[in-house]
Amino acid sequence: MRKLLIPIFFLLCLQAPAQELPERQTYNNVQFWTSVNGSWRLSKRWGLISDFHLRRDNFIRDPNFYFLRLGAAYWINDQFSVVGGFAGLWLATDTDLGTKFALERRTYQQILWRARINKTTFLQRIRIEQRWHQVLNTENAEVDRVRYSNRFRFLFSAAIQVFENPKLPRPTLSNEILFHVGEEIVYNTFDQNRLFLGFNQRLNKNWTVDYGYMMVYQQRYSGFEYDLNHTIRLFFYFSPDLRKKVDEELPHYPVGGIE
């Protein structure tokens, strides 16, 4: 665990700006975020993941983004897995011609650790993303340039089984902190923090759902402007085990995750 904290400390040190910035400004918003996240187990160790996400601003009135992710998953054992793949995000952008969508292309790699200790299921994930995102000209809505960045994400979550019946909700707490670096990222090495408090519930053999409140605190490229998004989150997880013979020593567990 100590080794995992080293890169976080290093990235925090990089956040100090080269010059004094204007006074901090924070913009509040209410969002709704829903998704379907799939983990398809095809063989003893190999499978596929697929996610689709939709996020809205002003609760459900305005679009924020649409997101699609695909990848290949490899289960190392009953605690560790790795995933790699690609993704696309369509981000709503205000222009003089109205709301247009800027495309962000990604490749990504992740390692996930999962363990059950007594009645608590812990999960820790490190994900690295390579991102090519279009920057639109606000006057004509044309693509002005493509901004490249690398993003580093550190997620930790815990879900507690408080009821004997496994189909009843489990209180869940998670936090993910994100940093990014790139030529145009000068004042905001810190990207955002996502704190979630809610419940996870099994619906049947293949489906689970989590729902609750997520606070997303994000720094803009200016460095002194921040978004504080109060987000209602509703995520569905589909995790079919398609192996002909289930391996008790290598159980199936979902490895997909949030955008």
C-alpha atoms as a PDB file:
ATOM      1  CA  MET A   1       0.000   0.000   0.000  1.00  0.00           C
ATOM      2  CA  ARG A   2       2.873   2.375   0.852  1.00  0.00           C
ATOM      3  CA  LYS A   3       4.330   1.924  -2.640  1.00  0.00           C
ATOM      4  CA  LEU A   4       1.003   2.893  -4.209  1.00  0.00           C
ATOM      5  CA  LEU A   5       0.972   6.196  -2.296  1.00  0.00           C
ATOM      6  CA  ILE A   6       4.356   7.306  -3.693  1.00  0.00           C
ATOM      7  CA  PRO A   7       3.087   8.295  -7.177  1.00  0.00           C
ATOM      8  CA  ILE A   8       0.162  10.163  -5.589  1.00  0.00           C
ATOM      9  CA  PHE A   9       2.541  12.222  -3.427  1.00  0.00           C
ATOM     10  CA  PHE A  10       4.776  12.887  -6.436  1.00  0.00           C
ATOM     11  CA  LEU A  11       1.888  14.142  -8.544  1.00  0.00           C
ATOM     12  CA  LEU A  12       0.622  16.366  -5.746  1.00  0.00           C
ATOM     13  CA  CYS A  13       4.024  18.016  -5.625  1.00  0.00           C
ATOM     14  CA  LEU A  14       3.763  18.807  -9.341  1.00  0.00           C
ATOM     15  CA  GLN A  15       0.573  20.753  -8.785  1.00  0.00           C
ATOM     16  CA  ALA A  16       2.244  23.906  -7.483  1.00  0.00           C
ATOM     17  CA  PRO A  17       1.756  26.575 -10.211  1.00  0.00           C
ATOM     18  CA  ALA A  18       4.645  28.525 -11.652  1.00  0.00           C
ATOM     19  CA  GLN A  19       2.881  31.852 -10.952  1.00  0.00           C
ATOM     20  CA  GLU A  20       0.158  33.185  -8.720  1.00  0.00           C
ATOM     21  CA  LEU A  21      -3.353  32.521 -10.007  1.00  0.00           C
ATOM     22  CA  PRO A  22      -6.517  34.640  -9.613  1.00  0.00           C
ATOM     23  CA  GLU A  23      -8.839  33.968  -6.710  1.00  0.00           C
ATOM     24  CA  ARG A  24     -10.481  30.550  -6.808  1.00  0.00           C
ATOM     25  CA  GLN A  25     -13.946  30.317  -8.346  1.00  0.00           C
ATOM     26  CA  THR A  26     -16.243  27.326  -7.820  1.00  0.00           C
ATOM     27  CA  TYR A  27     -19.278  26.484  -9.954  1.00  0.00           C
ATOM     28  CA  ASN A  28     -21.961  24.220  -8.506  1.00  0.00           C
ATOM     29  CA  ASN A  29     -24.043  21.845 -10.606  1.00  0.00           C
ATOM     30  CA  VAL A  30     -26.449  18.941 -10.098  1.00  0.00           C
ATOM     31  CA  GLN A  31     -25.911  15.931 -12.367  1.00  0.00           C
ATOM     32  CA  PHE A  32     -27.442  12.567 -13.128  1.00  0.00           C
ATOM     33  CA  TRP A  33     -25.072   9.747 -14.148  1.00  0.00           C
ATOM     34  CA  THR A  34     -26.122   6.285 -15.260  1.00  0.00           C
ATOM     35  CA  SER A  35     -24.312   3.428 -16.954  1.00  0.00           C
ATOM     36  CA  VAL A  36     -24.270  -0.253 -17.844  1.00  0.00           C
ATOM     37  CA  ASN A  37     -20.937  -1.997 -17.125  1.00  0.00           C
ATOM     38  CA  GLY A  38     -20.283  -5.494 -18.453  1.00  0.00           C
ATOM     39  CA  SER A  39     -17.643  -8.103 -17.535  1.00  0.00           C
ATOM     40  CA  TRP A  40     -17.927 -11.150 -19.807  1.00  0.00           C
ATOM     41  CA  ARG A  41     -15.957 -14.196 -18.599  1.00  0.00           C
ATOM     42  CA  LEU A  42     -15.145 -16.306 -21.681  1.00  0.00           C
ATOM     43  CA  SER A  43     -12.523 -18.743 -20.365  1.00  0.00           C
ATOM     44  CA  LYS A  44     -10.593 -19.554 -17.209  1.00  0.00           C
ATOM     45  CA  ARG A  45      -8.608 -16.324 -17.362  1.00  0.00           C
ATOM     46  CA  TRP A  46      -9.790 -14.303 -20.367  1.00  0.00           C
ATOM     47  CA  GLY A  47     -12.836 -12.171 -20.984  1.00  0.00           C
ATOM     48  CA  LEU A  48     -14.196  -8.873 -22.297  1.00  0.00           C
ATOM     49  CA  ILE A  49     -15.444  -5.692 -20.683  1.00  0.00           C
ATOM     50  CA  SER A  50     -17.886  -3.147 -22.118  1.00  0.00           C
ATOM     51  CA  ASP A  51     -19.240   0.050 -20.560  1.00  0.00           C
ATOM     52  CA  PHE A  52     -21.768   2.622 -21.710  1.00  0.00           C
ATOM     53  CA  HIS A  53     -22.243   5.849 -19.722  1.00  0.00           C
ATOM     54  CA  LEU A  54     -24.567   8.822 -19.927  1.00  0.00           C
ATOM     55  CA  ARG A  55     -24.178  11.922 -17.765  1.00  0.00           C
ATOM     56  CA  ARG A  56     -26.513  14.923 -17.706  1.00  0.00           C
ATOM     57  CA  ASP A  57     -26.173  18.448 -16.286  1.00  0.00           C
ATOM     58  CA  ASN A  58     -28.852  20.391 -14.415  1.00  0.00           C
ATOM     59  CA  PHE A  59     -29.985  16.963 -13.210  1.00  0.00           C
ATOM     60  CA  ILE A  60     -31.362  15.581 -16.512  1.00  0.00           C
ATOM     61  CA  ARG A  61     -32.039  18.713 -18.578  1.00  0.00           C
ATOM     62  CA  ASP A  62     -28.753  19.180 -20.441  1.00  0.00           C
ATOM     63  CA  PRO A  63     -26.221  16.724 -21.907  1.00  0.00           C
ATOM     64  CA  ASN A  64     -22.771  16.417 -20.355  1.00  0.00           C
ATOM     65  CA  PHE A  65     -21.196  13.383 -22.049  1.00  0.00           C
ATOM     66  CA  TYR A  66     -21.746   9.994 -23.646  1.00  0.00           C
ATOM     67  CA  PHE A  67     -19.075   7.366 -23.145  1.00  0.00           C
ATOM     68  CA  LEU A  68     -18.305   3.926 -24.595  1.00  0.00           C
ATOM     69  CA  ARG A  69     -15.450   1.632 -23.464  1.00  0.00           C
ATOM     70  CA  LEU A  70     -14.293  -1.805 -24.655  1.00  0.00           C
ATOM     71  CA  GLY A  71     -11.417  -3.941 -23.470  1.00  0.00           C
ATOM     72  CA  ALA A  72      -9.852  -7.332 -22.891  1.00  0.00           C
ATOM     73  CA  ALA A  73      -9.624  -8.654 -19.331  1.00  0.00           C
ATOM     74  CA  TYR A  74      -7.254 -11.200 -17.783  1.00  0.00           C
ATOM     75  CA  TRP A  75      -7.990 -12.654 -14.324  1.00  0.00           C
ATOM     76  CA  ILE A  76      -4.663 -13.475 -12.668  1.00  0.00           C
ATOM     77  CA  ASN A  77      -6.201 -15.095  -9.564  1.00  0.00           C
ATOM     78  CA  ASP A  78      -9.122 -14.597  -7.205  1.00  0.00           C
ATOM     79  CA  GLN A  79      -7.811 -11.145  -6.192  1.00  0.00           C
ATOM     80  CA  PHE A  80      -5.922  -9.574  -9.113  1.00  0.00           C
ATOM     81  CA  SER A  81      -6.902  -8.792 -12.696  1.00  0.00           C
ATOM     82  CA  VAL A  82      -5.615  -6.611 -15.529  1.00  0.00           C
ATOM     83  CA  VAL A  83      -7.528  -4.907 -18.342  1.00  0.00           C
ATOM     84  CA  GLY A  84      -6.536  -3.003 -21.462  1.00  0.00           C
ATOM     85  CA  GLY A  85      -8.576  -1.446 -24.243  1.00  0.00           C
ATOM     86  CA  PHE A  86      -9.882   1.699 -25.875  1.00  0.00           C
ATOM     87  CA  ALA A  87     -12.742   4.138 -25.366  1.00  0.00           C
ATOM     88  CA  GLY A  88     -14.553   7.135 -26.807  1.00  0.00           C
ATOM     89  CA  LEU A  89     -16.170  10.063 -25.006  1.00  0.00           C
ATOM     90  CA  TRP A  90     -18.448  12.653 -26.604  1.00  0.00           C
ATOM     91  CA  LEU A  91     -18.294  15.787 -24.439  1.00  0.00           C
ATOM     92  CA  ALA A  92     -20.993  18.473 -24.737  1.00  0.00           C
ATOM     93  CA  THR A  93     -19.376  21.839 -25.484  1.00  0.00           C
ATOM     94  CA  ASP A  94     -21.046  25.264 -25.587  1.00  0.00           C
ATOM     95  CA  THR A  95     -20.387  27.181 -28.820  1.00  0.00           C
ATOM     96  CA  ASP A  96     -21.921  30.164 -30.581  1.00  0.00           C
ATOM     97  CA  LEU A  97     -23.815  27.645 -32.727  1.00  0.00           C
ATOM     98  CA  GLY A  98     -25.269  25.843 -29.714  1.00  0.00           C
ATOM     99  CA  THR A  99     -24.198  22.671 -27.927  1.00  0.00           C
ATOM    100  CA  LYS A 100     -21.773  20.552 -29.965  1.00  0.00           C
ATOM    101  CA  PHE A 101     -19.905  17.371 -29.047  1.00  0.00           C
ATOM    102  CA  ALA A 102     -16.117  17.105 -28.915  1.00  0.00           C
ATOM    103  CA  LEU A 103     -14.739  13.582 -29.327  1.00  0.00           C
ATOM    104  CA  GLU A 104     -12.125  12.230 -26.939  1.00  0.00           C
ATOM    105  CA  ARG A 105     -10.344   9.015 -27.927  1.00  0.00           C
ATOM    106  CA  ARG A 106      -8.588   6.914 -25.298  1.00  0.00           C
ATOM    107  CA  THR A 107      -6.489   3.865 -24.753  1.00  0.00           C
ATOM    108  CA  TYR A 108      -6.113   2.599 -21.209  1.00  0.00           C
ATOM    109  CA  GLN A 109      -4.548  -0.034 -18.952  1.00  0.00           C
ATOM    110  CA  GLN A 110      -5.547  -0.998 -15.411  1.00  0.00           C
ATOM    111  CA  ILE A 111      -4.735  -3.370 -12.587  1.00  0.00           C
ATOM    112  CA  LEU A 112      -7.370  -4.233  -9.994  1.00  0.00           C
ATOM    113  CA  TRP A 113      -7.090  -5.814  -6.556  1.00  0.00           C
ATOM    114  CA  ARG A 114     -10.181  -7.204  -4.858  1.00  0.00           C
ATOM    115  CA  ALA A 115     -10.486  -9.018  -1.531  1.00  0.00           C
ATOM    116  CA  ARG A 116     -13.165  -9.961   0.971  1.00  0.00           C
ATOM    117  CA  ILE A 117     -12.181  -9.561   4.624  1.00  0.00           C
ATOM    118  CA  ASN A 118     -14.864 -10.693   7.071  1.00  0.00           C
ATOM    119  CA  LYS A 119     -18.024  -8.983   5.781  1.00  0.00           C
ATOM    120  CA  THR A 120     -16.313  -6.225   3.811  1.00  0.00           C
ATOM    121  CA  THR A 121     -15.326  -6.364   0.139  1.00  0.00           C
ATOM    122  CA  PHE A 122     -12.384  -4.078  -0.659  1.00  0.00           C
ATOM    123  CA  LEU A 123     -11.336  -2.957  -4.121  1.00  0.00           C
ATOM    124  CA  GLN A 124      -8.338  -0.957  -5.248  1.00  0.00           C
ATOM    125  CA  ARG A 125      -7.706  -0.004  -8.867  1.00  0.00           C
ATOM    126  CA  ILE A 126      -4.957   1.845 -10.718  1.00  0.00           C
ATOM    127  CA  ARG A 127      -5.783   2.960 -14.255  1.00  0.00           C
ATOM    128  CA  ILE A 128      -3.602   4.814 -16.775  1.00  0.00           C
ATOM    129  CA  GLU A 129      -5.187   6.530 -19.775  1.00  0.00           C
ATOM    130  CA  GLN A 130      -3.785   8.035 -22.962  1.00  0.00           C
ATOM    131  CA  ARG A 131      -6.240  10.694 -24.167  1.00  0.00           C
ATOM    132  CA  TRP A 132      -6.648  12.558 -27.458  1.00  0.00           C
ATOM    133  CA  HIS A 133      -9.418  15.115 -26.987  1.00  0.00           C
ATOM    134  CA  GLN A 134     -10.728  17.567 -29.539  1.00  0.00           C
ATOM    135  CA  VAL A 135     -10.829  21.261 -28.616  1.00  0.00           C
ATOM    136  CA  LEU A 136     -13.623  23.038 -30.466  1.00  0.00           C
ATOM    137  CA  ASN A 137     -13.536  26.601 -31.726  1.00  0.00           C
ATOM    138  CA  THR A 138     -16.395  28.284 -29.870  1.00  0.00           C
ATOM    139  CA  GLU A 139     -17.243  30.538 -32.836  1.00  0.00           C
ATOM    140  CA  ASN A 140     -17.715  27.980 -35.626  1.00  0.00           C
ATOM    141  CA  ALA A 141     -17.765  24.683 -33.656  1.00  0.00           C
ATOM    142  CA  GLU A 142     -14.921  23.316 -35.800  1.00  0.00           C
ATOM    143  CA  VAL A 143     -12.082  21.267 -34.310  1.00  0.00           C
ATOM    144  CA  ASP A 144      -9.374  23.771 -33.408  1.00  0.00           C
ATOM    145  CA  ARG A 145      -6.791  21.202 -32.263  1.00  0.00           C
ATOM    146  CA  VAL A 146      -6.380  17.857 -30.529  1.00  0.00           C
ATOM    147  CA  ARG A 147      -5.042  18.004 -26.970  1.00  0.00           C
ATOM    148  CA  TYR A 148      -3.037  14.972 -25.786  1.00  0.00           C
ATOM    149  CA  SER A 149      -2.652  14.033 -22.131  1.00  0.00           C
ATOM    150  CA  ASN A 150      -1.871  11.096 -19.856  1.00  0.00           C
ATOM    151  CA  ARG A 151      -4.144  10.539 -16.878  1.00  0.00           C
ATOM    152  CA  PHE A 152      -3.490   8.504 -13.720  1.00  0.00           C
ATOM    153  CA  ARG A 153      -6.402   7.274 -11.608  1.00  0.00           C
ATOM    154  CA  PHE A 154      -6.387   5.745  -8.122  1.00  0.00           C
ATOM    155  CA  LEU A 155      -9.613   4.204  -6.810  1.00  0.00           C
ATOM    156  CA  PHE A 156     -10.379   2.633  -3.446  1.00  0.00           C
ATOM    157  CA  SER A 157     -13.775   1.304  -2.369  1.00  0.00           C
ATOM    158  CA  ALA A 158     -15.346  -0.774   0.387  1.00  0.00           C
ATOM    159  CA  ALA A 159     -18.757  -2.464   0.538  1.00  0.00           C
ATOM    160  CA  ILE A 160     -20.055  -3.898   3.827  1.00  0.00           C
ATOM    161  CA  GLN A 161     -22.433  -6.858   4.039  1.00  0.00           C
ATOM    162  CA  VAL A 162     -24.625  -5.767   6.968  1.00  0.00           C
ATOM    163  CA  PHE A 163     -27.515  -8.157   6.233  1.00  0.00           C
ATOM    164  CA  GLU A 164     -27.404 -11.944   6.099  1.00  0.00           C
ATOM    165  CA  ASN A 165     -29.476 -11.946   2.911  1.00  0.00           C
ATOM    166  CA  PRO A 166     -26.982 -11.247   0.057  1.00  0.00           C
ATOM    167  CA  LYS A 167     -29.739  -9.641  -2.046  1.00  0.00           C
ATOM    168  CA  LEU A 168     -30.213  -6.797   0.430  1.00  0.00           C
ATOM    169  CA  PRO A 169     -28.265  -3.531  -0.082  1.00  0.00           C
ATOM    170  CA  ARG A 170     -24.655  -3.183   1.044  1.00  0.00           C
ATOM    171  CA  PRO A 171     -23.483   0.288   2.171  1.00  0.00           C
ATOM    172  CA  THR A 172     -20.649   1.354  -0.139  1.00  0.00           C
ATOM    173  CA  LEU A 173     -18.001   4.042   0.139  1.00  0.00           C
ATOM    174  CA  SER A 174     -15.478   4.808  -2.598  1.00  0.00           C
ATOM    175  CA  ASN A 175     -13.066   7.546  -3.554  1.00  0.00           C
ATOM    176  CA  GLU A 176     -11.122   8.068  -6.767  1.00  0.00           C
ATOM    177  CA  ILE A 177      -8.484  10.734  -7.311  1.00  0.00           C
ATOM    178  CA  LEU A 178      -7.304  11.615 -10.832  1.00  0.00           C
ATOM    179  CA  PHE A 179      -4.212  13.450 -12.080  1.00  0.00           C
ATOM    180  CA  HIS A 180      -3.114  14.236 -15.615  1.00  0.00           C
ATOM    181  CA  VAL A 181      -0.058  15.607 -17.388  1.00  0.00           C
ATOM    182  CA  GLY A 182       0.521  17.030 -20.850  1.00  0.00           C
ATOM    183  CA  GLU A 183       1.891  19.966 -22.795  1.00  0.00           C
ATOM    184  CA  GLU A 184      -1.215  22.106 -22.229  1.00  0.00           C
ATOM    185  CA  ILE A 185      -1.711  21.064 -18.605  1.00  0.00           C
ATOM    186  CA  VAL A 186       0.116  23.798 -16.717  1.00  0.00           C
ATOM    187  CA  TYR A 187      -2.020  24.786 -13.728  1.00  0.00           C
ATOM    188  CA  ASN A 188      -4.180  21.700 -13.129  1.00  0.00           C
ATOM    189  CA  THR A 189      -2.094  18.570 -12.673  1.00  0.00           C
ATOM    190  CA  PHE A 190      -4.857  17.652 -10.246  1.00  0.00           C
ATOM    191  CA  ASP A 191      -7.811  16.744 -12.469  1.00  0.00           C
ATOM    192  CA  GLN A 192     -10.621  15.729 -10.134  1.00  0.00           C
ATOM    193  CA  ASN A 193     -11.759  13.776  -7.094  1.00  0.00           C
ATOM    194  CA  ARG A 194     -14.849  11.542  -7.015  1.00  0.00           C
ATOM    195  CA  LEU A 195     -16.323  10.621  -3.647  1.00  0.00           C
ATOM    196  CA  PHE A 196     -19.257   8.180  -3.667  1.00  0.00           C
ATOM    197  CA  LEU A 197     -21.568   7.189  -0.824  1.00  0.00           C
ATOM    198  CA  GLY A 198     -24.420   4.808  -1.544  1.00  0.00           C
ATOM    199  CA  PHE A 199     -25.497   1.200  -1.784  1.00  0.00           C
ATOM    200  CA  ASN A 200     -24.634  -1.838  -3.872  1.00  0.00           C
ATOM    201  CA  GLN A 201     -27.307  -4.485  -4.373  1.00  0.00           C
ATOM    202  CA  ARG A 202     -27.450  -7.840  -6.155  1.00  0.00           C
ATOM    203  CA  LEU A 203     -30.492  -8.203  -8.413  1.00  0.00           C
ATOM    204  CA  ASN A 204     -29.865 -11.769  -9.611  1.00  0.00           C
ATOM    205  CA  LYS A 205     -27.015 -14.087 -10.601  1.00  0.00           C
ATOM    206  CA  ASN A 206     -25.639 -11.772 -13.297  1.00  0.00           C
ATOM    207  CA  TRP A 207     -26.858  -8.293 -12.388  1.00  0.00           C
ATOM    208  CA  THR A 208     -25.965  -5.873  -9.603  1.00  0.00           C
ATOM    209  CA  VAL A 209     -26.712  -2.181  -9.178  1.00  0.00           C
ATOM    210  CA  ASP A 210     -25.252   0.633  -7.144  1.00  0.00           C
ATOM    211  CA  TYR A 211     -26.992   3.905  -6.415  1.00  0.00           C
ATOM    212  CA  GLY A 212     -26.300   6.926  -4.290  1.00  0.00           C
ATOM    213  CA  TYR A 213     -24.609  10.308  -4.160  1.00  0.00           C
ATOM    214  CA  MET A 214     -21.297  11.184  -5.813  1.00  0.00           C
ATOM    215  CA  MET A 215     -19.467  14.456  -5.257  1.00  0.00           C
ATOM    216  CA  VAL A 216     -17.208  15.306  -8.210  1.00  0.00           C
ATOM    217  CA  TYR A 217     -14.725  18.121  -7.571  1.00  0.00           C
ATOM    218  CA  GLN A 218     -12.864  19.026 -10.781  1.00  0.00           C
ATOM    219  CA  GLN A 219     -10.255  21.634 -11.588  1.00  0.00           C
ATOM    220  CA  ARG A 220     -10.482  23.396 -14.964  1.00  0.00           C
ATOM    221  CA  TYR A 221      -7.531  24.107 -17.238  1.00  0.00           C
ATOM    222  CA  SER A 222      -7.381  27.723 -16.030  1.00  0.00           C
ATOM    223  CA  GLY A 223      -6.189  26.452 -12.654  1.00  0.00           C
ATOM    224  CA  PHE A 224      -8.350  28.789 -10.554  1.00  0.00           C
ATOM    225  CA  GLU A 225     -11.802  27.580 -11.684  1.00  0.00           C
ATOM    226  CA  TYR A 226     -13.409  24.471 -10.197  1.00  0.00           C
ATOM    227  CA  ASP A 227     -16.590  22.503 -10.791  1.00  0.00           C
ATOM    228  CA  LEU A 228     -18.402  21.029  -7.787  1.00  0.00           C
ATOM    229  CA  ASN A 229     -20.879  18.515  -9.195  1.00  0.00           C
ATOM    230  CA  HIS A 230     -23.482  16.967  -6.915  1.00  0.00           C
ATOM    231  CA  THR A 231     -24.242  13.783  -8.810  1.00  0.00           C
ATOM    232  CA  ILE A 232     -27.043  11.250  -8.489  1.00  0.00           C
ATOM    233  CA  ARG A 233     -25.469   7.967  -9.619  1.00  0.00           C
ATOM    234  CA  LEU A 234     -27.225   4.830 -10.868  1.00  0.00           C
ATOM    235  CA  PHE A 235     -24.889   2.133 -12.273  1.00  0.00           C
ATOM    236  CA  PHE A 236     -25.804  -1.349 -13.448  1.00  0.00           C
ATOM    237  CA  TYR A 237     -23.255  -4.184 -13.631  1.00  0.00           C
ATOM    238  CA  PHE A 238     -23.762  -7.217 -15.888  1.00  0.00           C
ATOM    239  CA  SER A 239     -21.245 -10.000 -15.158  1.00  0.00           C
ATOM    240  CA  PRO A 240     -22.068 -13.283 -16.921  1.00  0.00           C
ATOM    241  CA  ASP A 241     -19.755 -16.272 -16.417  1.00  0.00           C
ATOM    242  CA  LEU A 242     -19.774 -18.085 -19.779  1.00  0.00           C
ATOM    243  CA  ARG A 243     -17.218 -20.749 -18.857  1.00  0.00           C
ATOM    244  CA  LYS A 244     -18.403 -24.312 -19.440  1.00  0.00           C
ATOM    245  CA  LYS A 245     -16.963 -25.330 -16.076  1.00  0.00           C
ATOM    246  CA  VAL A 246     -16.902 -22.898 -13.156  1.00  0.00           C
ATOM    247  CA  ASP A 247     -13.560 -22.805 -11.352  1.00  0.00           C
ATOM    248  CA  GLU A 248     -14.116 -22.379  -7.610  1.00  0.00           C
ATOM    249  CA  GLU A 249     -10.469 -21.413  -7.077  1.00  0.00           C
ATOM    250  CA  LEU A 250     -10.713 -18.715  -9.737  1.00  0.00           C
ATOM    251  CA  PRO A 251     -14.195 -17.201  -9.257  1.00  0.00           C
ATOM    252  CA  HIS A 252     -15.704 -14.703 -11.617  1.00  0.00           C
ATOM    253  CA  TYR A 253     -15.956 -11.088 -10.449  1.00  0.00           C
ATOM    254  CA  PRO A 254     -16.578  -7.836 -12.353  1.00  0.00           C
ATOM    255  CA  VAL A 255     -13.579  -5.781 -13.420  1.00  0.00           C
ATOM    256  CA  GLY A 256     -15.316  -2.989 -15.348  1.00  0.00           C
ATOM    257  CA  GLY A 257     -15.828   0.355 -13.741  1.00  0.00           C
ATOM    258  CA  ILE A 258     -16.916   3.962 -13.943  1.00  0.00           C
ATOM    259  CA  GLU A 259     -15.780   6.373 -16.634  1.00  0.00           C
END
